C-alpha atoms as a PDB file:
ATOM      1  CA  MET A   1     -17.540  -9.926  17.446  1.00  0.00           C
ATOM      2  CA  ARG A   2     -14.465 -10.059  14.645  1.00  0.00           C
ATOM      3  CA  TRP A   3     -16.799  -9.070  11.906  1.00  0.00           C
ATOM      4  CA  LEU A   4     -17.801  -6.191  13.972  1.00  0.00           C
ATOM      5  CA  ARG A   5     -14.205  -4.789  14.784  1.00  0.00           C
ATOM      6  CA  VAL A   6     -13.650  -5.214  11.225  1.00  0.00           C
ATOM      7  CA  SER A   7     -16.594  -3.171   9.956  1.00  0.00           C
ATOM      8  CA  CYS A   8     -15.468  -0.348  12.691  1.00  0.00           C
ATOM      9  CA  LEU A   9     -12.069  -0.203  10.941  1.00  0.00           C
ATOM     10  CA  LEU A  10     -13.954  -0.230   7.482  1.00  0.00           C
ATOM     11  CA  ILE A  11     -16.024   3.258   8.426  1.00  0.00           C
ATOM     12  CA  ILE A  12     -13.245   4.685   9.952  1.00  0.00           C
ATOM     13  CA  GLY A  13     -10.761   4.421   7.228  1.00  0.00           C
ATOM     14  CA  ALA A  14     -13.424   5.497   4.863  1.00  0.00           C
ATOM     15  CA  GLY A  15     -15.328   8.203   6.481  1.00  0.00           C
ATOM     16  CA  VAL A  16     -12.681  10.114   8.358  1.00  0.00           C
ATOM     17  CA  VAL A  17     -11.561  11.793   4.782  1.00  0.00           C
ATOM     18  CA  SER A  18      -8.659  13.400   4.392  1.00  0.00           C
ATOM     19  CA  ASN A  19      -5.073  14.607   2.451  1.00  0.00           C
ATOM     20  CA  ALA A  20      -3.442  11.921   3.597  1.00  0.00           C
ATOM     21  CA  ALA A  21      -0.822  10.586   1.317  1.00  0.00           C
ATOM     22  CA  ALA A  22      -1.029   6.801   1.446  1.00  0.00           C
ATOM     23  CA  GLN A  23       1.399   4.222   2.168  1.00  0.00           C
ATOM     24  CA  ALA A  24       5.139   5.142   3.323  1.00  0.00           C
ATOM     25  CA  THR A  25       6.165   7.173  -0.113  1.00  0.00           C
ATOM     26  CA  GLY A  26       2.944   9.311  -0.095  1.00  0.00           C
ATOM     27  CA  LEU A  27       1.043   7.548  -2.876  1.00  0.00           C
ATOM     28  CA  PRO A  28      -1.905   5.553  -3.204  1.00  0.00           C
ATOM     29  CA  SER A  29       0.178   1.932  -3.183  1.00  0.00           C
ATOM     30  CA  PHE A  30      -1.230  -0.493  -0.948  1.00  0.00           C
ATOM     31  CA  ASN A  31       0.036  -4.025   0.230  1.00  0.00           C
ATOM     32  CA  ALA A  32      -2.025  -7.516   0.170  1.00  0.00           C
ATOM     33  CA  PRO A  33      -2.610  -9.448   3.281  1.00  0.00           C
ATOM     34  CA  TYR A  34       0.239 -11.885   2.476  1.00  0.00           C
ATOM     35  CA  ARG A  35       3.477 -11.816   0.859  1.00  0.00           C
ATOM     36  CA  ALA A  36       3.405 -13.512  -2.970  1.00  0.00           C
ATOM     37  CA  PHE A  37       6.947 -14.671  -2.406  1.00  0.00           C
ATOM     38  CA  ARG A  38       8.875 -16.829  -1.236  1.00  0.00           C
ATOM     39  CA  ARG A  39      12.565 -15.122  -0.515  1.00  0.00           C
ATOM     40  CA  SER A  40      12.181 -11.580  -2.295  1.00  0.00           C
ATOM     41  CA  GLU A  41      10.370  -9.816  -5.068  1.00  0.00           C
ATOM     42  CA  ILE A  42      11.276  -7.242  -7.298  1.00  0.00           C
ATOM     43  CA  GLY A  43       8.990  -4.460  -9.092  1.00  0.00           C
ATOM     44  CA  LEU A  44       8.535  -1.565 -10.595  1.00  0.00           C
ATOM     45  CA  VAL A  45       5.400   0.689  -9.437  1.00  0.00           C
ATOM     46  CA  LEU A  46       3.855   3.753 -11.901  1.00  0.00           C
ATOM     47  CA  SER A  47       1.470   6.290  -9.949  1.00  0.00           C
ATOM     48  CA  PHE A  48      -1.253   8.585 -10.142  1.00  0.00           C
ATOM     49  CA  PRO A  49      -1.894  10.797  -7.200  1.00  0.00           C
ATOM     50  CA  ASN A  50      -4.414  13.263  -6.873  1.00  0.00           C
ATOM     51  CA  GLY A  51      -3.809  16.652  -8.305  1.00  0.00           C
ATOM     52  CA  GLY A  52      -1.998  15.421 -11.329  1.00  0.00           C
ATOM     53  CA  GLY A  53       1.893  14.507 -11.841  1.00  0.00           C
ATOM     54  CA  THR A  54       3.049  10.923 -11.948  1.00  0.00           C
ATOM     55  CA  ALA A  55       5.261   8.934  -9.734  1.00  0.00           C
ATOM     56  CA  PHE A  56       7.853   6.122 -11.029  1.00  0.00           C
ATOM     57  CA  GLU A  57       9.221   3.415  -8.129  1.00  0.00           C
ATOM     58  CA  GLY A  58      11.324   0.457  -7.518  1.00  0.00           C
ATOM     59  CA  ALA A  59      10.643  -1.662  -4.916  1.00  0.00           C
ATOM     60  CA  PHE A  60      12.156  -4.630  -3.741  1.00  0.00           C
ATOM     61  CA  ARG A  61      10.974  -6.877  -0.459  1.00  0.00           C
ATOM     62  CA  ARG A  62      12.746  -9.989   1.261  1.00  0.00           C
ATOM     63  CA  SER A  63      10.908 -12.522   3.894  1.00  0.00           C
ATOM     64  CA  SER A  64      11.990 -13.218   7.395  1.00  0.00           C
ATOM     65  CA  GLY A  65       9.254 -16.092   8.246  1.00  0.00           C
ATOM     66  CA  LYS A  66       5.868 -14.575   9.094  1.00  0.00           C
ATOM     67  CA  PHE A  67       7.599 -11.117   8.522  1.00  0.00           C
ATOM     68  CA  ASP A  68       8.944  -9.375   5.025  1.00  0.00           C
ATOM     69  CA  LEU A  69      10.404  -5.724   5.191  1.00  0.00           C
ATOM     70  CA  GLY A  70      10.513  -4.142   1.675  1.00  0.00           C
ATOM     71  CA  PHE A  71      11.870  -0.697   0.536  1.00  0.00           C
ATOM     72  CA  ARG A  72      10.875   1.472  -2.403  1.00  0.00           C
ATOM     73  CA  GLY A  73      12.250   4.535  -4.179  1.00  0.00           C
ATOM     74  CA  GLY A  74      11.591   6.478  -6.920  1.00  0.00           C
ATOM     75  CA  ILE A  75      10.673   9.982  -8.504  1.00  0.00           C
ATOM     76  CA  PHE A  76       7.670  11.959  -8.187  1.00  0.00           C
ATOM     77  CA  THR A  77       7.010  14.999 -10.947  1.00  0.00           C
ATOM     78  CA  PRO A  78       3.750  16.994  -9.787  1.00  0.00           C
ATOM     79  CA  GLY A  79       3.245  18.953 -13.197  1.00  0.00           C
ATOM     80  CA  GLY A  80       3.364  22.280 -14.043  1.00  0.00           C
ATOM     81  CA  ASN A  81       6.119  24.840 -12.588  1.00  0.00           C
ATOM     82  CA  LEU A  82       6.246  22.391  -9.354  1.00  0.00           C
ATOM     83  CA  ASN A  83       9.851  20.738  -8.366  1.00  0.00           C
ATOM     84  CA  SER A  84      10.131  16.877  -8.494  1.00  0.00           C
ATOM     85  CA  ARG A  85      10.151  15.066  -5.737  1.00  0.00           C
ATOM     86  CA  LEU A  86      12.780  12.207  -4.057  1.00  0.00           C
ATOM     87  CA  LEU A  87      10.935   9.570  -3.056  1.00  0.00           C
ATOM     88  CA  LEU A  88      12.597   7.114  -0.634  1.00  0.00           C
ATOM     89  CA  GLY A  89      10.162   4.900   1.839  1.00  0.00           C
ATOM     90  CA  ALA A  90      10.669   1.354   3.777  1.00  0.00           C
ATOM     91  CA  GLU A  91       7.943  -1.033   4.919  1.00  0.00           C
ATOM     92  CA  ALA A  92       7.186  -3.941   7.179  1.00  0.00           C
ATOM     93  CA  ARG A  93       4.151  -6.601   6.966  1.00  0.00           C
ATOM     94  CA  GLU A  94       3.642  -9.127   9.317  1.00  0.00           C
ATOM     95  CA  ARG A  95       0.606 -12.129   9.332  1.00  0.00           C
ATOM     96  CA  VAL A  96      -1.500 -11.485  12.293  1.00  0.00           C
ATOM     97  CA  VAL A  97      -4.881 -12.851  11.082  1.00  0.00           C
ATOM     98  CA  THR A  98      -5.844 -16.267   9.508  1.00  0.00           C
ATOM     99  CA  HIS A  99      -9.026 -16.825   8.136  1.00  0.00           C
ATOM    100  CA  THR A 100     -11.578 -19.423  10.052  1.00  0.00           C
ATOM    101  CA  GLU A 101     -14.464 -20.670   9.401  1.00  0.00           C
ATOM    102  CA  ASP A 102     -15.782 -17.779  11.575  1.00  0.00           C
ATOM    103  CA  PHE A 103     -13.878 -14.995   9.843  1.00  0.00           C
ATOM    104  CA  PRO A 104     -13.141 -15.500   6.169  1.00  0.00           C
ATOM    105  CA  LEU A 105      -9.990 -13.312   5.420  1.00  0.00           C
ATOM    106  CA  ASP A 106      -6.425 -13.170   6.058  1.00  0.00           C
ATOM    107  CA  GLY A 107      -4.768 -10.277   7.673  1.00  0.00           C
ATOM    108  CA  ALA A 108      -1.623  -8.511   8.172  1.00  0.00           C
ATOM    109  CA  LEU A 109      -0.420  -5.314   9.852  1.00  0.00           C
ATOM    110  CA  ILE A 110       1.567  -2.926   7.797  1.00  0.00           C
ATOM    111  CA  LEU A 111       3.672  -0.488   9.156  1.00  0.00           C
ATOM    112  CA  GLY A 112       6.118   2.194   7.242  1.00  0.00           C
ATOM    113  CA  ILE A 113       8.076   4.911   7.755  1.00  0.00           C
ATOM    114  CA  GLY A 114       9.363   7.245   4.494  1.00  0.00           C
ATOM    115  CA  ALA A 115       9.653  10.972   2.750  1.00  0.00           C
ATOM    116  CA  GLN A 116       8.799  13.084  -0.510  1.00  0.00           C
ATOM    117  CA  LEU A 117      12.141  15.001  -0.296  1.00  0.00           C
ATOM    118  CA  SER A 118      12.080  18.923  -2.085  1.00  0.00           C
ATOM    119  CA  SER A 119      13.909  21.863  -2.045  1.00  0.00           C
ATOM    120  CA  GLY A 120      11.903  23.761   0.953  1.00  0.00           C
ATOM    121  CA  ASN A 121       8.960  20.960   0.952  1.00  0.00           C
ATOM    122  CA  SER A 122       9.866  17.829   2.048  1.00  0.00           C
ATOM    123  CA  VAL A 123       7.133  15.592   4.041  1.00  0.00           C
ATOM    124  CA  VAL A 124       7.898  12.593   6.059  1.00  0.00           C
ATOM    125  CA  THR A 125       5.010   9.488   6.084  1.00  0.00           C
ATOM    126  CA  VAL A 126       4.752   7.038   8.971  1.00  0.00           C
ATOM    127  CA  PRO A 127       1.678   5.072   7.946  1.00  0.00           C
ATOM    128  CA  VAL A 128      -0.242   1.964  10.409  1.00  0.00           C
ATOM    129  CA  GLY A 129      -2.534  -0.325   9.150  1.00  0.00           C
ATOM    130  CA  LEU A 130      -4.767  -3.183   8.525  1.00  0.00           C
ATOM    131  CA  SER A 131      -4.845  -4.850   5.197  1.00  0.00           C
ATOM    132  CA  LEU A 132      -7.732  -7.626   5.061  1.00  0.00           C
ATOM    133  CA  GLY A 133      -8.215 -10.210   1.773  1.00  0.00           C
ATOM    134  CA  ARG A 134      -8.636 -13.708   0.741  1.00  0.00           C
ATOM    135  CA  ARG A 135      -6.654 -15.573  -2.021  1.00  0.00           C
ATOM    136  CA  VAL A 136      -9.457 -16.472  -4.889  1.00  0.00           C
ATOM    137  CA  ASP A 137      -8.504 -19.137  -7.273  1.00  0.00           C
ATOM    138  CA  PRO A 138     -10.832 -19.297 -10.160  1.00  0.00           C
ATOM    139  CA  ARG A 139     -11.697 -22.932 -11.433  1.00  0.00           C
ATOM    140  CA  ASP A 140      -9.738 -23.886 -14.456  1.00  0.00           C
ATOM    141  CA  SER A 141      -7.566 -21.312 -14.454  1.00  0.00           C
ATOM    142  CA  LYS A 142      -3.699 -20.457 -13.616  1.00  0.00           C
ATOM    143  CA  ILE A 143      -4.503 -17.140 -12.468  1.00  0.00           C
ATOM    144  CA  SER A 144      -5.487 -16.525  -8.995  1.00  0.00           C
ATOM    145  CA  ILE A 145      -6.305 -12.963  -7.472  1.00  0.00           C
ATOM    146  CA  VAL A 146      -6.024 -11.387  -3.742  1.00  0.00           C
ATOM    147  CA  PRO A 147      -8.463  -9.008  -3.329  1.00  0.00           C
ATOM    148  CA  TYR A 148      -8.300  -6.395  -0.231  1.00  0.00           C
ATOM    149  CA  VAL A 149      -8.573  -3.687   1.975  1.00  0.00           C
ATOM    150  CA  GLN A 150      -6.703  -1.491   4.122  1.00  0.00           C
ATOM    151  CA  PRO A 151      -7.758   1.280   6.485  1.00  0.00           C
ATOM    152  CA  THR A 152      -4.769   2.986   7.771  1.00  0.00           C
ATOM    153  CA  GLY A 153      -3.528   5.983   9.757  1.00  0.00           C
ATOM    154  CA  PHE A 154      -0.917   8.227   9.007  1.00  0.00           C
ATOM    155  CA  PHE A 155       1.464  10.925  10.940  1.00  0.00           C
ATOM    156  CA  VAL A 156       2.288  13.099   8.089  1.00  0.00           C
ATOM    157  CA  ALA A 157       5.084  15.782   9.299  1.00  0.00           C
ATOM    158  CA  GLY A 158       6.254  18.662   7.067  1.00  0.00           C
ATOM    159  CA  ASN A 159       7.294  22.573   6.685  1.00  0.00           C
ATOM    160  CA  GLY A 160       6.497  22.767  10.733  1.00  0.00           C
ATOM    161  CA  THR A 161       3.562  21.077  10.999  1.00  0.00           C
ATOM    162  CA  SER A 162       1.866  17.498  11.744  1.00  0.00           C
ATOM    163  CA  ASP A 163      -1.264  15.936  11.725  1.00  0.00           C
ATOM    164  CA  PHE A 164      -2.489  12.224  11.963  1.00  0.00           C
ATOM    165  CA  LEU A 165      -5.124  11.435   9.153  1.00  0.00           C
ATOM    166  CA  PHE A 166      -6.831   8.464   7.682  1.00  0.00           C
ATOM    167  CA  ASP A 167      -7.272   6.579   4.542  1.00  0.00           C
ATOM    168  CA  LEU A 168      -8.985   3.763   2.979  1.00  0.00           C
ATOM    169  CA  GLY A 169      -6.728   1.746   0.171  1.00  0.00           C
ATOM    170  CA  LEU A 170      -8.526  -1.037  -1.894  1.00  0.00           C
ATOM    171  CA  GLY A 171      -6.659  -3.344  -4.164  1.00  0.00           C
ATOM    172  CA  ALA A 172      -5.991  -6.470  -5.976  1.00  0.00           C
ATOM    173  CA  ASP A 173      -2.837  -8.451  -6.618  1.00  0.00           C
ATOM    174  CA  PHE A 174      -3.420 -10.936 -10.165  1.00  0.00           C
ATOM    175  CA  ARG A 175      -0.704 -13.835  -9.853  1.00  0.00           C
ATOM    176  CA  LEU A 176      -0.514 -14.005 -13.706  1.00  0.00           C
ATOM    177  CA  THR A 177       2.687 -16.717 -13.842  1.00  0.00           C
ATOM    178  CA  PRO A 178       4.554 -18.401 -11.108  1.00  0.00           C
ATOM    179  CA  ARG A 179       6.766 -16.053 -11.179  1.00  0.00           C
ATOM    180  CA  PHE A 180       4.713 -12.639 -12.068  1.00  0.00           C
ATOM    181  CA  ASP A 181       2.515 -10.429 -10.197  1.00  0.00           C
ATOM    182  CA  ALA A 182       0.413  -7.738 -11.651  1.00  0.00           C
ATOM    183  CA  ARG A 183      -0.936  -5.255  -8.906  1.00  0.00           C
ATOM    184  CA  ILE A 184      -3.239  -2.317  -8.754  1.00  0.00           C
ATOM    185  CA  SER A 185      -4.252  -0.003  -5.773  1.00  0.00           C
ATOM    186  CA  ALA A 186      -6.360   2.855  -4.922  1.00  0.00           C
ATOM    187  CA  GLY A 187      -6.675   5.051  -2.114  1.00  0.00           C
ATOM    188  CA  LEU A 188     -10.414   6.577  -1.600  1.00  0.00           C
ATOM    189  CA  GLY A 189     -11.737  10.036  -0.253  1.00  0.00           C
ATOM    190  CA  ASP A 190      -9.702  13.444  -0.681  1.00  0.00           C
ATOM    191  CA  LEU A 191      -6.838  11.271  -1.953  1.00  0.00           C
ATOM    192  CA  GLU A 192      -8.013   9.909  -4.596  1.00  0.00           C
ATOM    193  CA  GLY A 193      -5.364   8.069  -6.843  1.00  0.00           C
ATOM    194  CA  VAL A 194      -4.014   4.560  -8.388  1.00  0.00           C
ATOM    195  CA  SER A 195      -0.978   2.654  -9.151  1.00  0.00           C
ATOM    196  CA  ILE A 196      -0.123  -0.241 -10.757  1.00  0.00           C
ATOM    197  CA  SER A 197       2.859  -2.486 -10.481  1.00  0.00           C
ATOM    198  CA  ALA A 198       4.480  -5.414 -12.233  1.00  0.00           C
ATOM    199  CA  VAL A 199       6.161  -7.568  -9.975  1.00  0.00           C
ATOM    200  CA  TRP A 200       8.753 -10.717 -10.367  1.00  0.00           C
ATOM    201  CA  VAL A 201       8.671 -13.032  -7.381  1.00  0.00           C
ATOM    202  CA  HIS A 202      11.472 -15.527  -6.419  1.00  0.00           C
END
């Protein structure tokens, strides 16, 4: 029964394609189902969204039990003659599923709010997603990997309009050392983009 529910979420995420922006600041940056840190982490995020342009963000997350809260901000430069946009956002994550013999994945509920701010062209995004994945520890290696999927719904509002949209995020977090993660994620559908991160954990 759990596999049926997960399959339905993935089909919805992949099939209902839109111009949705991924995650709180409107970029294809998604979250693994559990945190890599005990107390906090700080990182740099580089994103290449569909349609061109580049975004640079700083991110900070802090833990509290099974719950953690993150903040991010930066600049998105679309390219061409378009104005750069200020990015501001916050994301909360809480574990809601723990793997069992019947269901091999861990899961977390992801909720965020954020904005891309530009004169006369600002957009507010409220994403709600379910991240599903599992840590993989290759034999005879100190590197561990967390592959995951994150079907996500978005409430998007700006310029007098609003809509509710869907997207599917795919990602992997690579634990390279006890203190450092490299991460990559991408959105599927009309939103095609890639995000890479360097993260220091504490």
